Amino acid sequence: TWFAVRCFEQLPNGRTRFAHSAPAFIDFEDSPLRPHRGQVRYLIQRCEEELARNKDVLNDAELAEYREALEFYQSKLATAR
């Protein structure tokens, strides 16, 4: 997984200033990252929407990339938490 640190400051003129660090990555050995079920469903939905939106625009090879991504996310749904 990863994290970043964010800082916020309210300025006297009412504006908000913020900054954040670069991401820091953490890897737990022998502990695979399992996405949340809702995140996987969202990605499945987006692939389906893009396939429908682009079916008359993209060629078969380009649509195949969306289909491959859709199959990948569908396979992850079973192990999502």
C-alpha atoms as a PDB file:
ATOM      1  CA  THR A   1       0.000   0.000   0.000  1.00  0.00           C
ATOM      2  CA  TRP A   2       1.056   3.625   0.015  1.00  0.00           C
ATOM      3  CA  PHE A   3       0.448   6.833   1.871  1.00  0.00           C
ATOM      4  CA  ALA A   4       1.192  10.536   1.563  1.00  0.00           C
ATOM      5  CA  VAL A   5       1.258  13.294   4.143  1.00  0.00           C
ATOM      6  CA  ARG A   6      -0.909  16.354   3.518  1.00  0.00           C
ATOM      7  CA  CYS A   7      -0.787  19.706   5.299  1.00  0.00           C
ATOM      8  CA  PHE A   8      -3.475  22.385   5.176  1.00  0.00           C
ATOM      9  CA  GLU A   9      -3.257  26.031   6.247  1.00  0.00           C
ATOM     10  CA  GLN A  10      -6.063  28.564   6.364  1.00  0.00           C
ATOM     11  CA  LEU A  11      -4.689  31.879   5.105  1.00  0.00           C
ATOM     12  CA  PRO A  12      -5.816  35.257   6.491  1.00  0.00           C
ATOM     13  CA  ASN A  13      -7.484  36.089   3.156  1.00  0.00           C
ATOM     14  CA  GLY A  14      -9.788  33.055   3.501  1.00  0.00           C
ATOM     15  CA  ARG A  15      -7.989  30.853   1.000  1.00  0.00           C
ATOM     16  CA  THR A  16      -6.642  27.454   1.920  1.00  0.00           C
ATOM     17  CA  ARG A  17      -3.104  26.454   1.064  1.00  0.00           C
ATOM     18  CA  PHE A  18      -2.044  22.826   1.077  1.00  0.00           C
ATOM     19  CA  ALA A  19       0.918  20.680   0.228  1.00  0.00           C
ATOM     20  CA  HIS A  20       1.617  16.980   0.222  1.00  0.00           C
ATOM     21  CA  SER A  21       4.565  14.667   0.173  1.00  0.00           C
ATOM     22  CA  ALA A  22       5.460  12.158  -2.479  1.00  0.00           C
ATOM     23  CA  PRO A  23       3.915   8.735  -1.868  1.00  0.00           C
ATOM     24  CA  ALA A  24       5.686   6.362   0.480  1.00  0.00           C
ATOM     25  CA  PHE A  25       5.167   2.678  -0.288  1.00  0.00           C
ATOM     26  CA  ILE A  26       4.817  -0.129   2.241  1.00  0.00           C
ATOM     27  CA  ASP A  27       5.046  -3.773   1.257  1.00  0.00           C
ATOM     28  CA  PHE A  28       4.120  -6.481   3.744  1.00  0.00           C
ATOM     29  CA  GLU A  29       5.862  -9.681   2.715  1.00  0.00           C
ATOM     30  CA  ASP A  30       3.535 -12.657   2.178  1.00  0.00           C
ATOM     31  CA  SER A  31       0.495 -10.408   2.535  1.00  0.00           C
ATOM     32  CA  PRO A  32      -1.051  -9.722  -0.875  1.00  0.00           C
ATOM     33  CA  LEU A  33      -2.977  -6.509  -1.342  1.00  0.00           C
ATOM     34  CA  ARG A  34      -6.685  -7.283  -1.610  1.00  0.00           C
ATOM     35  CA  PRO A  35      -8.907  -4.479  -2.870  1.00  0.00           C
ATOM     36  CA  HIS A  36     -12.305  -3.708  -1.387  1.00  0.00           C
ATOM     37  CA  ARG A  37     -15.246  -5.299  -3.189  1.00  0.00           C
ATOM     38  CA  GLY A  38     -16.730  -1.862  -3.917  1.00  0.00           C
ATOM     39  CA  GLN A  39     -13.518  -0.733  -5.617  1.00  0.00           C
ATOM     40  CA  VAL A  40     -13.503  -3.807  -7.852  1.00  0.00           C
ATOM     41  CA  ARG A  41     -17.183  -3.342  -8.720  1.00  0.00           C
ATOM     42  CA  TYR A  42     -16.479   0.290  -9.630  1.00  0.00           C
ATOM     43  CA  LEU A  43     -13.688  -0.739 -12.031  1.00  0.00           C
ATOM     44  CA  ILE A  44     -15.915  -3.426 -13.573  1.00  0.00           C
ATOM     45  CA  GLN A  45     -18.650  -0.844 -14.078  1.00  0.00           C
ATOM     46  CA  ARG A  46     -16.220   1.615 -15.664  1.00  0.00           C
ATOM     47  CA  CYS A  47     -14.928  -1.030 -18.095  1.00  0.00           C
ATOM     48  CA  GLU A  48     -18.494  -1.949 -19.054  1.00  0.00           C
ATOM     49  CA  GLU A  49     -19.376   1.723 -19.575  1.00  0.00           C
ATOM     50  CA  GLU A  50     -16.320   2.336 -21.730  1.00  0.00           C
ATOM     51  CA  LEU A  51     -17.027  -0.767 -23.812  1.00  0.00           C
ATOM     52  CA  ALA A  52     -20.591   0.424 -24.433  1.00  0.00           C
ATOM     53  CA  ARG A  53     -19.506   4.016 -25.121  1.00  0.00           C
ATOM     54  CA  ASN A  54     -16.767   3.036 -27.560  1.00  0.00           C
ATOM     55  CA  LYS A  55     -18.271   0.014 -29.332  1.00  0.00           C
ATOM     56  CA  ASP A  56     -18.895   2.034 -32.500  1.00  0.00           C
ATOM     57  CA  VAL A  57     -15.713   4.106 -32.234  1.00  0.00           C
ATOM     58  CA  LEU A  58     -12.826   1.734 -31.492  1.00  0.00           C
ATOM     59  CA  ASN A  59     -11.627  -1.223 -33.551  1.00  0.00           C
ATOM     60  CA  ASP A  60     -11.645  -4.817 -32.281  1.00  0.00           C
ATOM     61  CA  ALA A  61      -8.049  -4.715 -31.032  1.00  0.00           C
ATOM     62  CA  GLU A  62      -8.719  -1.570 -29.021  1.00  0.00           C
ATOM     63  CA  LEU A  63     -11.962  -2.949 -27.595  1.00  0.00           C
ATOM     64  CA  ALA A  64     -10.095  -6.127 -26.679  1.00  0.00           C
ATOM     65  CA  GLU A  65      -8.030  -4.097 -24.188  1.00  0.00           C
ATOM     66  CA  TYR A  66     -11.216  -3.095 -22.356  1.00  0.00           C
ATOM     67  CA  ARG A  67     -12.483  -6.677 -22.473  1.00  0.00           C
ATOM     68  CA  GLU A  68      -9.185  -7.936 -21.060  1.00  0.00           C
ATOM     69  CA  ALA A  69      -9.356  -5.377 -18.248  1.00  0.00           C
ATOM     70  CA  LEU A  70     -12.979  -6.322 -17.566  1.00  0.00           C
ATOM     71  CA  GLU A  71     -12.077 -10.013 -17.291  1.00  0.00           C
ATOM     72  CA  PHE A  72      -9.158  -9.171 -15.005  1.00  0.00           C
ATOM     73  CA  TYR A  73     -11.334  -7.170 -12.597  1.00  0.00           C
ATOM     74  CA  GLN A  74     -14.099  -9.772 -12.707  1.00  0.00           C
ATOM     75  CA  SER A  75     -11.526 -12.389 -11.642  1.00  0.00           C
ATOM     76  CA  LYS A  76     -10.502 -10.188  -8.687  1.00  0.00           C
ATOM     77  CA  LEU A  77     -14.057  -9.884  -7.388  1.00  0.00           C
ATOM     78  CA  ALA A  78     -13.944 -13.355  -5.813  1.00  0.00           C
ATOM     79  CA  THR A  79     -10.942 -12.491  -3.613  1.00  0.00           C
ATOM     80  CA  ALA A  80     -11.913  -8.903  -2.795  1.00  0.00           C
ATOM     81  CA  ARG A  81     -12.709  -8.111   0.815  1.00  0.00           C
END
